[in-house]
Amino acid sequence: MREIVHIQAGQCGNQIGAKFWEVISDEHGIDPTGSYQGDSELQLERINVYYNEASGSKYVPRAILVDLEPGTMDSVRSGPFGQLFRPDNFIFGDCTCLENLISLCLMCTFIKAA
């Protein structure tokens, strides 16, 4: 048996990822609240590849959503399947993090050159 952790990064990755979860949820008969509403036992076969089963027979995507700004995360949360995700799987930071990373990379480049 295999399990996949789906990592969505950036605006594009999160927008594509949100659509991915809509399609996968539909294929497996999972409604926007994470409950199984399907009509065939085949839909539950291999559901654990993408989902964890939580309490109350709810299915939660095995996903990490990452972005530097909260705007895209807010649109995913308010989207049709936004309540499907665990709140602590949304990771976003301040833009200054990227600026600090760029500065660090430049500093390392200058140190190597010296």
PDB file of N, CA and C in Angstrom:
ATOM      1  N   MET A   1       0.848  -1.170   0.000  1.00  0.00           N
ATOM      2  CA  MET A   1       0.000   0.000   0.000  1.00  0.00           C
ATOM      3  C   MET A   1       0.899   1.240   0.000  1.00  0.00           C
ATOM      4  N   ARG A   2       0.509   2.255  -0.727  1.00  0.00           N
ATOM      5  CA  ARG A   2       1.298   3.472  -0.744  1.00  0.00           C
ATOM      6  C   ARG A   2       0.434   4.643  -0.305  1.00  0.00           C
ATOM      7  N   GLU A   3       1.104   5.650   0.227  1.00  0.00           N
ATOM      8  CA  GLU A   3       0.439   6.873   0.648  1.00  0.00           C
ATOM      9  C   GLU A   3       1.177   8.036   0.026  1.00  0.00           C
ATOM     10  N   ILE A   4       0.435   9.001  -0.474  1.00  0.00           N
ATOM     11  CA  ILE A   4       1.026  10.156  -1.133  1.00  0.00           C
ATOM     12  C   ILE A   4       0.748  11.395  -0.305  1.00  0.00           C
ATOM     13  N   VAL A   5       1.799  12.187  -0.071  1.00  0.00           N
ATOM     14  CA  VAL A   5       1.639  13.504   0.539  1.00  0.00           C
ATOM     15  C   VAL A   5       1.685  14.512  -0.597  1.00  0.00           C
ATOM     16  N   HIS A   6       0.623  15.250  -0.739  1.00  0.00           N
ATOM     17  CA  HIS A   6       0.476  16.216  -1.830  1.00  0.00           C
ATOM     18  C   HIS A   6       0.963  17.573  -1.328  1.00  0.00           C
ATOM     19  N   ILE A   7       1.989  18.143  -1.968  1.00  0.00           N
ATOM     20  CA  ILE A   7       2.520  19.445  -1.576  1.00  0.00           C
ATOM     21  C   ILE A   7       2.146  20.464  -2.645  1.00  0.00           C
ATOM     22  N   GLN A   8       1.431  21.488  -2.219  1.00  0.00           N
ATOM     23  CA  GLN A   8       1.014  22.568  -3.109  1.00  0.00           C
ATOM     24  C   GLN A   8       1.791  23.810  -2.700  1.00  0.00           C
ATOM     25  N   ALA A   9       2.517  24.406  -3.640  1.00  0.00           N
ATOM     26  CA  ALA A   9       3.344  25.567  -3.306  1.00  0.00           C
ATOM     27  C   ALA A   9       3.047  26.729  -4.242  1.00  0.00           C
ATOM     28  N   GLY A  10       2.917  27.909  -3.664  1.00  0.00           N
ATOM     29  CA  GLY A  10       2.716  29.125  -4.438  1.00  0.00           C
ATOM     30  C   GLY A  10       1.286  29.280  -4.928  1.00  0.00           C
ATOM     31  N   GLN A  11       1.038  30.399  -5.572  1.00  0.00           N
ATOM     32  CA  GLN A  11      -0.314  30.695  -6.044  1.00  0.00           C
ATOM     33  C   GLN A  11      -0.784  29.674  -7.073  1.00  0.00           C
ATOM     34  N   CYS A  12       0.036  29.422  -8.076  1.00  0.00           N
ATOM     35  CA  CYS A  12      -0.340  28.485  -9.136  1.00  0.00           C
ATOM     36  C   CYS A  12      -0.511  27.074  -8.579  1.00  0.00           C
ATOM     37  N   GLY A  13       0.445  26.628  -7.764  1.00  0.00           N
ATOM     38  CA  GLY A  13       0.374  25.289  -7.193  1.00  0.00           C
ATOM     39  C   GLY A  13      -0.863  25.081  -6.343  1.00  0.00           C
ATOM     40  N   ASN A  14      -1.234  26.104  -5.581  1.00  0.00           N
ATOM     41  CA  ASN A  14      -2.415  25.991  -4.732  1.00  0.00           C
ATOM     42  C   ASN A  14      -3.711  26.060  -5.527  1.00  0.00           C
ATOM     43  N   GLN A  15      -3.727  26.834  -6.595  1.00  0.00           N
ATOM     44  CA  GLN A  15      -4.933  26.882  -7.425  1.00  0.00           C
ATOM     45  C   GLN A  15      -5.137  25.563  -8.169  1.00  0.00           C
ATOM     46  N   ILE A  16      -4.059  25.028  -8.721  1.00  0.00           N
ATOM     47  CA  ILE A  16      -4.148  23.724  -9.392  1.00  0.00           C
ATOM     48  C   ILE A  16      -4.480  22.641  -8.373  1.00  0.00           C
ATOM     49  N   GLY A  17      -3.835  22.704  -7.208  1.00  0.00           N
ATOM     50  CA  GLY A  17      -4.086  21.725  -6.156  1.00  0.00           C
ATOM     51  C   GLY A  17      -5.526  21.729  -5.671  1.00  0.00           C
ATOM     52  N   ALA A  18      -6.111  22.913  -5.535  1.00  0.00           N
ATOM     53  CA  ALA A  18      -7.510  22.998  -5.100  1.00  0.00           C
ATOM     54  C   ALA A  18      -8.422  22.297  -6.106  1.00  0.00           C
ATOM     55  N   LYS A  19      -8.158  22.504  -7.378  1.00  0.00           N
ATOM     56  CA  LYS A  19      -8.959  21.837  -8.421  1.00  0.00           C
ATOM     57  C   LYS A  19      -8.718  20.324  -8.394  1.00  0.00           C
ATOM     58  N   PHE A  20      -7.461  19.922  -8.168  1.00  0.00           N
ATOM     59  CA  PHE A  20      -7.117  18.505  -8.057  1.00  0.00           C
ATOM     60  C   PHE A  20      -7.964  17.837  -6.977  1.00  0.00           C
ATOM     61  N   TRP A  21      -8.063  18.484  -5.797  1.00  0.00           N
ATOM     62  CA  TRP A  21      -8.816  17.888  -4.698  1.00  0.00           C
ATOM     63  C   TRP A  21     -10.307  17.837  -4.990  1.00  0.00           C
ATOM     64  N   GLU A  22     -10.815  18.792  -5.761  1.00  0.00           N
ATOM     65  CA  GLU A  22     -12.221  18.731  -6.173  1.00  0.00           C
ATOM     66  C   GLU A  22     -12.460  17.487  -7.032  1.00  0.00           C
ATOM     67  N   VAL A  23     -11.561  17.249  -7.990  1.00  0.00           N
ATOM     68  CA  VAL A  23     -11.711  16.106  -8.904  1.00  0.00           C
ATOM     69  C   VAL A  23     -11.543  14.788  -8.154  1.00  0.00           C
ATOM     70  N   ILE A  24     -10.495  14.677  -7.341  1.00  0.00           N
ATOM     71  CA  ILE A  24     -10.242  13.437  -6.588  1.00  0.00           C
ATOM     72  C   ILE A  24     -11.393  13.152  -5.621  1.00  0.00           C
ATOM     73  N   SER A  25     -11.885  14.201  -4.968  1.00  0.00           N
ATOM     74  CA  SER A  25     -13.005  14.017  -4.037  1.00  0.00           C
ATOM     75  C   SER A  25     -14.241  13.511  -4.765  1.00  0.00           C
ATOM     76  N   ASP A  26     -14.493  14.053  -5.935  1.00  0.00           N
ATOM     77  CA  ASP A  26     -15.634  13.602  -6.733  1.00  0.00           C
ATOM     78  C   ASP A  26     -15.470  12.137  -7.140  1.00  0.00           C
ATOM     79  N   GLU A  27     -14.264  11.767  -7.553  1.00  0.00           N
ATOM     80  CA  GLU A  27     -14.011  10.375  -7.960  1.00  0.00           C
ATOM     81  C   GLU A  27     -14.213   9.403  -6.811  1.00  0.00           C
ATOM     82  N   HIS A  28     -13.862   9.835  -5.590  1.00  0.00           N
ATOM     83  CA  HIS A  28     -13.971   8.947  -4.431  1.00  0.00           C
ATOM     84  C   HIS A  28     -15.281   9.116  -3.666  1.00  0.00           C
ATOM     85  N   GLY A  29     -16.152  10.009  -4.134  1.00  0.00           N
ATOM     86  CA  GLY A  29     -17.442  10.194  -3.473  1.00  0.00           C
ATOM     87  C   GLY A  29     -17.345  10.957  -2.165  1.00  0.00           C
ATOM     88  N   ILE A  30     -16.359  11.821  -2.041  1.00  0.00           N
ATOM     89  CA  ILE A  30     -16.171  12.612  -0.823  1.00  0.00           C
ATOM     90  C   ILE A  30     -16.797  13.989  -1.042  1.00  0.00           C
ATOM     91  N   ASP A  31     -17.661  14.394  -0.113  1.00  0.00           N
ATOM     92  CA  ASP A  31     -18.297  15.707  -0.252  1.00  0.00           C
ATOM     93  C   ASP A  31     -17.397  16.798   0.348  1.00  0.00           C
ATOM     94  N   PRO A  32     -17.758  18.076   0.202  1.00  0.00           N
ATOM     95  CA  PRO A  32     -16.900  19.170   0.692  1.00  0.00           C
ATOM     96  C   PRO A  32     -16.641  19.170   2.199  1.00  0.00           C
ATOM     97  N   THR A  33     -17.420  18.406   2.968  1.00  0.00           N
ATOM     98  CA  THR A  33     -17.170  18.328   4.413  1.00  0.00           C
ATOM     99  C   THR A  33     -16.266  17.151   4.776  1.00  0.00           C
ATOM    100  N   GLY A  34     -15.913  16.324   3.795  1.00  0.00           N
ATOM    101  CA  GLY A  34     -15.049  15.177   4.041  1.00  0.00           C
ATOM    102  C   GLY A  34     -15.793  13.878   4.284  1.00  0.00           C
ATOM    103  N   SER A  35     -17.100  13.893   4.163  1.00  0.00           N
ATOM    104  CA  SER A  35     -17.907  12.683   4.369  1.00  0.00           C
ATOM    105  C   SER A  35     -18.048  11.909   3.065  1.00  0.00           C
ATOM    106  N   TYR A  36     -18.078  10.583   3.203  1.00  0.00           N
ATOM    107  CA  TYR A  36     -18.284   9.739   2.029  1.00  0.00           C
ATOM    108  C   TYR A  36     -19.759   9.770   1.650  1.00  0.00           C
ATOM    109  N   GLN A  37     -20.043  10.139   0.412  1.00  0.00           N
ATOM    110  CA  GLN A  37     -21.411  10.190  -0.104  1.00  0.00           C
ATOM    111  C   GLN A  37     -21.534   9.389  -1.401  1.00  0.00           C
ATOM    112  N   GLY A  38     -20.567   8.520  -1.642  1.00  0.00           N
ATOM    113  CA  GLY A  38     -20.541   7.775  -2.894  1.00  0.00           C
ATOM    114  C   GLY A  38     -21.586   6.690  -2.970  1.00  0.00           C
ATOM    115  N   ASP A  39     -21.588   6.001  -4.109  1.00  0.00           N
ATOM    116  CA  ASP A  39     -22.579   4.961  -4.336  1.00  0.00           C
ATOM    117  C   ASP A  39     -21.961   3.618  -4.686  1.00  0.00           C
ATOM    118  N   SER A  40     -20.637   3.509  -4.544  1.00  0.00           N
ATOM    119  CA  SER A  40     -19.972   2.263  -4.899  1.00  0.00           C
ATOM    120  C   SER A  40     -18.810   2.012  -3.940  1.00  0.00           C
ATOM    121  N   GLU A  41     -18.689   0.781  -3.495  1.00  0.00           N
ATOM    122  CA  GLU A  41     -17.577   0.420  -2.609  1.00  0.00           C
ATOM    123  C   GLU A  41     -16.224   0.597  -3.301  1.00  0.00           C
ATOM    124  N   LEU A  42     -16.228   0.571  -4.631  1.00  0.00           N
ATOM    125  CA  LEU A  42     -14.988   0.787  -5.381  1.00  0.00           C
ATOM    126  C   LEU A  42     -14.401   2.173  -5.113  1.00  0.00           C
ATOM    127  N   GLN A  43     -15.263   3.139  -4.800  1.00  0.00           N
ATOM    128  CA  GLN A  43     -14.782   4.490  -4.526  1.00  0.00           C
ATOM    129  C   GLN A  43     -13.932   4.539  -3.255  1.00  0.00           C
ATOM    130  N   LEU A  44     -14.193   3.646  -2.317  1.00  0.00           N
ATOM    131  CA  LEU A  44     -13.426   3.625  -1.070  1.00  0.00           C
ATOM    132  C   LEU A  44     -12.157   2.783  -1.170  1.00  0.00           C
ATOM    133  N   GLU A  45     -12.078   1.980  -2.227  1.00  0.00           N
ATOM    134  CA  GLU A  45     -10.878   1.178  -2.422  1.00  0.00           C
ATOM    135  C   GLU A  45      -9.714   2.108  -2.753  1.00  0.00           C
ATOM    136  N   ARG A  46      -8.638   2.001  -2.047  1.00  0.00           N
ATOM    137  CA  ARG A  46      -7.437   2.829  -2.239  1.00  0.00           C
ATOM    138  C   ARG A  46      -7.641   4.308  -1.885  1.00  0.00           C
ATOM    139  N   ILE A  47      -8.668   4.628  -1.130  1.00  0.00           N
ATOM    140  CA  ILE A  47      -8.883   6.025  -0.743  1.00  0.00           C
ATOM    141  C   ILE A  47      -7.763   6.515   0.172  1.00  0.00           C
ATOM    142  N   ASN A  48      -7.113   5.556   0.866  1.00  0.00           N
ATOM    143  CA  ASN A  48      -6.033   5.928   1.788  1.00  0.00           C
ATOM    144  C   ASN A  48      -4.756   6.363   1.075  1.00  0.00           C
ATOM    145  N   VAL A  49      -4.717   6.298  -0.242  1.00  0.00           N
ATOM    146  CA  VAL A  49      -3.557   6.811  -0.978  1.00  0.00           C
ATOM    147  C   VAL A  49      -3.488   8.327  -0.826  1.00  0.00           C
ATOM    148  N   TYR A  50      -4.622   8.999  -0.876  1.00  0.00           N
ATOM    149  CA  TYR A  50      -4.664  10.463  -0.818  1.00  0.00           C
ATOM    150  C   TYR A  50      -5.249  11.029   0.472  1.00  0.00           C
ATOM    151  N   TYR A  51      -6.017  10.239   1.206  1.00  0.00           N
ATOM    152  CA  TYR A  51      -6.735  10.751   2.373  1.00  0.00           C
ATOM    153  C   TYR A  51      -6.352  10.005   3.643  1.00  0.00           C
ATOM    154  N   ASN A  52      -6.439  10.704   4.767  1.00  0.00           N
ATOM    155  CA  ASN A  52      -6.417  10.088   6.085  1.00  0.00           C
ATOM    156  C   ASN A  52      -7.856  10.032   6.568  1.00  0.00           C
ATOM    157  N   GLU A  53      -8.205   8.941   7.235  1.00  0.00           N
ATOM    158  CA  GLU A  53      -9.545   8.868   7.804  1.00  0.00           C
ATOM    159  C   GLU A  53      -9.492   9.443   9.214  1.00  0.00           C
ATOM    160  N   ALA A  54     -10.243  10.495   9.447  1.00  0.00           N
ATOM    161  CA  ALA A  54     -10.277  11.160  10.745  1.00  0.00           C
ATOM    162  C   ALA A  54     -11.479  10.652  11.539  1.00  0.00           C
ATOM    163  N   SER A  55     -11.678  11.213  12.719  1.00  0.00           N
ATOM    164  CA  SER A  55     -12.807  10.795  13.548  1.00  0.00           C
ATOM    165  C   SER A  55     -14.131  11.129  12.864  1.00  0.00           C
ATOM    166  N   GLY A  56     -15.128  10.354  13.170  1.00  0.00           N
ATOM    167  CA  GLY A  56     -16.448  10.573  12.589  1.00  0.00           C
ATOM    168  C   GLY A  56     -16.538  10.177  11.130  1.00  0.00           C
ATOM    169  N   SER A  57     -15.672   9.264  10.695  1.00  0.00           N
ATOM    170  CA  SER A  57     -15.641   8.811   9.295  1.00  0.00           C
ATOM    171  C   SER A  57     -15.499   9.960   8.305  1.00  0.00           C
ATOM    172  N   LYS A  58     -14.691  10.940   8.675  1.00  0.00           N
ATOM    173  CA  LYS A  58     -14.383  12.061   7.781  1.00  0.00           C
ATOM    174  C   LYS A  58     -13.045  11.770   7.118  1.00  0.00           C
ATOM    175  N   TYR A  59     -12.927  12.162   5.873  1.00  0.00           N
ATOM    176  CA  TYR A  59     -11.693  11.973   5.124  1.00  0.00           C
ATOM    177  C   TYR A  59     -11.019  13.323   4.934  1.00  0.00           C
ATOM    178  N   VAL A  60      -9.718  13.359   5.253  1.00  0.00           N
ATOM    179  CA  VAL A  60      -8.939  14.596   5.202  1.00  0.00           C
ATOM    180  C   VAL A  60      -7.798  14.398   4.211  1.00  0.00           C
ATOM    181  N   PRO A  61      -7.634  15.323   3.269  1.00  0.00           N
ATOM    182  CA  PRO A  61      -6.541  15.192   2.301  1.00  0.00           C
ATOM    183  C   PRO A  61      -5.177  15.177   2.990  1.00  0.00           C
ATOM    184  N   ARG A  62      -4.312  14.325   2.517  1.00  0.00           N
ATOM    185  CA  ARG A  62      -2.932  14.306   2.997  1.00  0.00           C
ATOM    186  C   ARG A  62      -2.187  15.336   2.160  1.00  0.00           C
ATOM    187  N   ALA A  63      -2.285  16.604   2.579  1.00  0.00           N
ATOM    188  CA  ALA A  63      -1.760  17.702   1.772  1.00  0.00           C
ATOM    189  C   ALA A  63      -1.137  18.778   2.646  1.00  0.00           C
ATOM    190  N   ILE A  64      -0.135  19.429   2.088  1.00  0.00           N
ATOM    191  CA  ILE A  64       0.491  20.594   2.708  1.00  0.00           C
ATOM    192  C   ILE A  64       0.386  21.728   1.701  1.00  0.00           C
ATOM    193  N   LEU A  65      -0.172  22.840   2.133  1.00  0.00           N
ATOM    194  CA  LEU A  65      -0.364  23.994   1.264  1.00  0.00           C
ATOM    195  C   LEU A  65       0.572  25.101   1.728  1.00  0.00           C
ATOM    196  N   VAL A  66       1.450  25.562   0.843  1.00  0.00           N
ATOM    197  CA  VAL A  66       2.490  26.522   1.207  1.00  0.00           C
ATOM    198  C   VAL A  66       2.416  27.736   0.290  1.00  0.00           C
ATOM    199  N   ASP A  67       2.566  28.922   0.872  1.00  0.00           N
ATOM    200  CA  ASP A  67       2.664  30.152   0.084  1.00  0.00           C
ATOM    201  C   ASP A  67       3.310  31.223   0.943  1.00  0.00           C
ATOM    202  N   LEU A  68       3.872  32.234   0.287  1.00  0.00           N
ATOM    203  CA  LEU A  68       4.502  33.330   1.012  1.00  0.00           C
ATOM    204  C   LEU A  68       3.484  34.333   1.533  1.00  0.00           C
ATOM    205  N   GLU A  69       2.316  34.368   0.939  1.00  0.00           N
ATOM    206  CA  GLU A  69       1.283  35.312   1.345  1.00  0.00           C
ATOM    207  C   GLU A  69      -0.012  34.553   1.626  1.00  0.00           C
ATOM    208  N   PRO A  70      -0.830  35.040   2.543  1.00  0.00           N
ATOM    209  CA  PRO A  70      -2.053  34.314   2.912  1.00  0.00           C
ATOM    210  C   PRO A  70      -3.196  34.429   1.910  1.00  0.00           C
ATOM    211  N   GLY A  71      -3.103  35.307   0.920  1.00  0.00           N
ATOM    212  CA  GLY A  71      -4.215  35.542  -0.006  1.00  0.00           C
ATOM    213  C   GLY A  71      -4.694  34.305  -0.733  1.00  0.00           C
ATOM    214  N   THR A  72      -3.769  33.548  -1.288  1.00  0.00           N
ATOM    215  CA  THR A  72      -4.154  32.330  -2.013  1.00  0.00           C
ATOM    216  C   THR A  72      -4.760  31.309  -1.058  1.00  0.00           C
ATOM    217  N   MET A  73      -4.190  31.208   0.132  1.00  0.00           N
ATOM    218  CA  MET A  73      -4.724  30.272   1.128  1.00  0.00           C
ATOM    219  C   MET A  73      -6.157  30.641   1.504  1.00  0.00           C
ATOM    220  N   ASP A  74      -6.407  31.934   1.631  1.00  0.00           N
ATOM    221  CA  ASP A  74      -7.762  32.385   1.960  1.00  0.00           C
ATOM    222  C   ASP A  74      -8.748  31.996   0.864  1.00  0.00           C
ATOM    223  N   SER A  75      -8.314  32.108  -0.397  1.00  0.00           N
ATOM    224  CA  SER A  75      -9.222  31.737  -1.490  1.00  0.00           C
ATOM    225  C   SER A  75      -9.440  30.226  -1.541  1.00  0.00           C
ATOM    226  N   VAL A  76      -8.427  29.435  -1.195  1.00  0.00           N
ATOM    227  CA  VAL A  76      -8.610  27.976  -1.132  1.00  0.00           C
ATOM    228  C   VAL A  76      -9.573  27.637   0.002  1.00  0.00           C
ATOM    229  N   ARG A  77      -9.368  28.252   1.180  1.00  0.00           N
ATOM    230  CA  ARG A  77     -10.243  27.998   2.333  1.00  0.00           C
ATOM    231  C   ARG A  77     -11.697  28.363   2.050  1.00  0.00           C
ATOM    232  N   SER A  78     -11.900  29.443   1.308  1.00  0.00           N
ATOM    233  CA  SER A  78     -13.273  29.884   1.032  1.00  0.00           C
ATOM    234  C   SER A  78     -13.855  29.216  -0.217  1.00  0.00           C
ATOM    235  N   GLY A  79     -13.063  28.393  -0.887  1.00  0.00           N
ATOM    236  CA  GLY A  79     -13.526  27.687  -2.080  1.00  0.00           C
ATOM    237  C   GLY A  79     -14.458  26.547  -1.732  1.00  0.00           C
ATOM    238  N   PRO A  80     -14.957  25.847  -2.749  1.00  0.00           N
ATOM    239  CA  PRO A  80     -15.948  24.792  -2.531  1.00  0.00           C
ATOM    240  C   PRO A  80     -15.470  23.642  -1.637  1.00  0.00           C
ATOM    241  N   PHE A  81     -14.187  23.323  -1.654  1.00  0.00           N
ATOM    242  CA  PHE A  81     -13.671  22.218  -0.841  1.00  0.00           C
ATOM    243  C   PHE A  81     -12.701  22.702   0.233  1.00  0.00           C
ATOM    244  N   GLY A  82     -12.765  23.974   0.578  1.00  0.00           N
ATOM    245  CA  GLY A  82     -11.844  24.563   1.551  1.00  0.00           C
ATOM    246  C   GLY A  82     -11.925  23.962   2.940  1.00  0.00           C
ATOM    247  N   GLN A  83     -13.119  23.504   3.337  1.00  0.00           N
ATOM    248  CA  GLN A  83     -13.289  22.930   4.674  1.00  0.00           C
ATOM    249  C   GLN A  83     -12.765  21.503   4.766  1.00  0.00           C
ATOM    250  N   LEU A  84     -12.348  20.963   3.637  1.00  0.00           N
ATOM    251  CA  LEU A  84     -11.825  19.603   3.590  1.00  0.00           C
ATOM    252  C   LEU A  84     -10.456  19.506   4.265  1.00  0.00           C
ATOM    253  N   PHE A  85      -9.675  20.584   4.200  1.00  0.00           N
ATOM    254  CA  PHE A  85      -8.296  20.583   4.689  1.00  0.00           C
ATOM    255  C   PHE A  85      -8.222  20.871   6.184  1.00  0.00           C
ATOM    256  N   ARG A  86      -7.211  20.290   6.821  1.00  0.00           N
ATOM    257  CA  ARG A  86      -6.940  20.614   8.223  1.00  0.00           C
ATOM    258  C   ARG A  86      -6.345  22.017   8.288  1.00  0.00           C
ATOM    259  N   PRO A  87      -6.768  22.837   9.224  1.00  0.00           N
ATOM    260  CA  PRO A  87      -6.258  24.213   9.315  1.00  0.00           C
ATOM    261  C   PRO A  87      -4.744  24.297   9.498  1.00  0.00           C
ATOM    262  N   ASP A  88      -4.160  23.325  10.187  1.00  0.00           N
ATOM    263  CA  ASP A  88      -2.710  23.394  10.407  1.00  0.00           C
ATOM    264  C   ASP A  88      -1.895  22.914   9.211  1.00  0.00           C
ATOM    265  N   ASN A  89      -2.544  22.543   8.119  1.00  0.00           N
ATOM    266  CA  ASN A  89      -1.825  22.182   6.895  1.00  0.00           C
ATOM    267  C   ASN A  89      -1.609  23.370   5.968  1.00  0.00           C
ATOM    268  N   PHE A  90      -2.121  24.536   6.367  1.00  0.00           N
ATOM    269  CA  PHE A  90      -1.901  25.770   5.620  1.00  0.00           C
ATOM    270  C   PHE A  90      -0.679  26.459   6.206  1.00  0.00           C
ATOM    271  N   ILE A  91       0.368  26.607   5.403  1.00  0.00           N
ATOM    272  CA  ILE A  91       1.600  27.241   5.872  1.00  0.00           C
ATOM    273  C   ILE A  91       1.884  28.438   4.983  1.00  0.00           C
ATOM    274  N   PHE A  92       1.925  29.600   5.590  1.00  0.00           N
ATOM    275  CA  PHE A  92       2.269  30.788   4.815  1.00  0.00           C
ATOM    276  C   PHE A  92       3.171  31.674   5.651  1.00  0.00           C
ATOM    277  N   GLY A  93       4.006  32.441   4.968  1.00  0.00           N
ATOM    278  CA  GLY A  93       4.963  33.293   5.653  1.00  0.00           C
ATOM    279  C   GLY A  93       4.905  34.706   5.138  1.00  0.00           C
ATOM    280  N   ASP A  94       5.760  35.491   5.702  1.00  0.00           N
ATOM    281  CA  ASP A  94       5.866  36.894   5.329  1.00  0.00           C
ATOM    282  C   ASP A  94       6.797  37.011   4.131  1.00  0.00           C
ATOM    283  N   CYS A  95       6.549  37.964   3.267  1.00  0.00           N
ATOM    284  CA  CYS A  95       7.404  38.167   2.093  1.00  0.00           C
ATOM    285  C   CYS A  95       8.842  38.452   2.488  1.00  0.00           C
ATOM    286  N   THR A  96       9.044  38.979   3.686  1.00  0.00           N
ATOM    287  CA  THR A  96      10.409  39.280   4.109  1.00  0.00           C
ATOM    288  C   THR A  96      11.236  38.005   4.234  1.00  0.00           C
ATOM    289  N   CYS A  97      10.583  36.860   4.410  1.00  0.00           N
ATOM    290  CA  CYS A  97      11.314  35.586   4.464  1.00  0.00           C
ATOM    291  C   CYS A  97      12.063  35.359   3.159  1.00  0.00           C
ATOM    292  N   LEU A  98      11.400  35.603   2.050  1.00  0.00           N
ATOM    293  CA  LEU A  98      12.024  35.430   0.745  1.00  0.00           C
ATOM    294  C   LEU A  98      13.172  36.414   0.576  1.00  0.00           C
ATOM    295  N   GLU A  99      12.966  37.647   1.001  1.00  0.00           N
ATOM    296  CA  GLU A  99      14.025  38.649   0.903  1.00  0.00           C
ATOM    297  C   GLU A  99      15.239  38.230   1.730  1.00  0.00           C
ATOM    298  N   ASN A 100      14.998  37.687   2.921  1.00  0.00           N
ATOM    299  CA  ASN A 100      16.098  37.219   3.764  1.00  0.00           C
ATOM    300  C   ASN A 100      16.830  36.049   3.118  1.00  0.00           C
ATOM    301  N   LEU A 101      16.097  35.153   2.490  1.00  0.00           N
ATOM    302  CA  LEU A 101      16.709  34.010   1.816  1.00  0.00           C
ATOM    303  C   LEU A 101      17.581  34.470   0.656  1.00  0.00           C
ATOM    304  N   ILE A 102      17.095  35.419  -0.118  1.00  0.00           N
ATOM    305  CA  ILE A 102      17.878  35.954  -1.235  1.00  0.00           C
ATOM    306  C   ILE A 102      19.145  36.619  -0.717  1.00  0.00           C
ATOM    307  N   SER A 103      19.029  37.399   0.349  1.00  0.00           N
ATOM    308  CA  SER A 103      20.203  38.052   0.939  1.00  0.00           C
ATOM    309  C   SER A 103      21.216  37.021   1.408  1.00  0.00           C
ATOM    310  N   LEU A 104      20.742  35.957   2.037  1.00  0.00           N
ATOM    311  CA  LEU A 104      21.630  34.900   2.516  1.00  0.00           C
ATOM    312  C   LEU A 104      22.348  34.227   1.355  1.00  0.00           C
ATOM    313  N   CYS A 105      21.629  33.943   0.277  1.00  0.00           N
ATOM    314  CA  CYS A 105      22.246  33.319  -0.901  1.00  0.00           C
ATOM    315  C   CYS A 105      23.300  34.229  -1.511  1.00  0.00           C
ATOM    316  N   LEU A 106      23.000  35.516  -1.599  1.00  0.00           N
ATOM    317  CA  LEU A 106      23.980  36.471  -2.132  1.00  0.00           C
ATOM    318  C   LEU A 106      25.212  36.537  -1.244  1.00  0.00           C
ATOM    319  N   MET A 107      25.000  36.520   0.065  1.00  0.00           N
ATOM    320  CA  MET A 107      26.111  36.568   1.004  1.00  0.00           C
ATOM    321  C   MET A 107      27.005  35.340   0.829  1.00  0.00           C
ATOM    322  N   CYS A 108      26.396  34.172   0.685  1.00  0.00           N
ATOM    323  CA  CYS A 108      27.164  32.939   0.491  1.00  0.00           C
ATOM    324  C   CYS A 108      27.957  32.993  -0.810  1.00  0.00           C
ATOM    325  N   THR A 109      27.364  33.566  -1.844  1.00  0.00           N
ATOM    326  CA  THR A 109      28.052  33.705  -3.127  1.00  0.00           C
ATOM    327  C   THR A 109      29.280  34.586  -2.978  1.00  0.00           C
ATOM    328  N   PHE A 110      29.140  35.691  -2.256  1.00  0.00           N
ATOM    329  CA  PHE A 110      30.270  36.599  -2.050  1.00  0.00           C
ATOM    330  C   PHE A 110      31.355  35.945  -1.198  1.00  0.00           C
ATOM    331  N   ILE A 111      30.964  35.139  -0.216  1.00  0.00           N
ATOM    332  CA  ILE A 111      31.947  34.461   0.637  1.00  0.00           C
ATOM    333  C   ILE A 111      32.726  33.436  -0.182  1.00  0.00           C
ATOM    334  N   LYS A 112      32.041  32.690  -1.050  1.00  0.00           N
ATOM    335  CA  LYS A 112      32.717  31.708  -1.901  1.00  0.00           C
ATOM    336  C   LYS A 112      33.700  32.388  -2.842  1.00  0.00           C
ATOM    337  N   ALA A 113      33.323  33.556  -3.351  1.00  0.00           N
ATOM    338  CA  ALA A 113      34.171  34.272  -4.310  1.00  0.00           C
ATOM    339  C   ALA A 113      35.419  34.845  -3.646  1.00  0.00           C
ATOM    340  N   ALA A 114      35.356  35.086  -2.352  1.00  0.00           N
ATOM    341  CA  ALA A 114      36.490  35.717  -1.649  1.00  0.00           C
ATOM    342  C   ALA A 114      37.614  34.753  -1.383  1.00  0.00           C
TER     343      ALA A 114
END
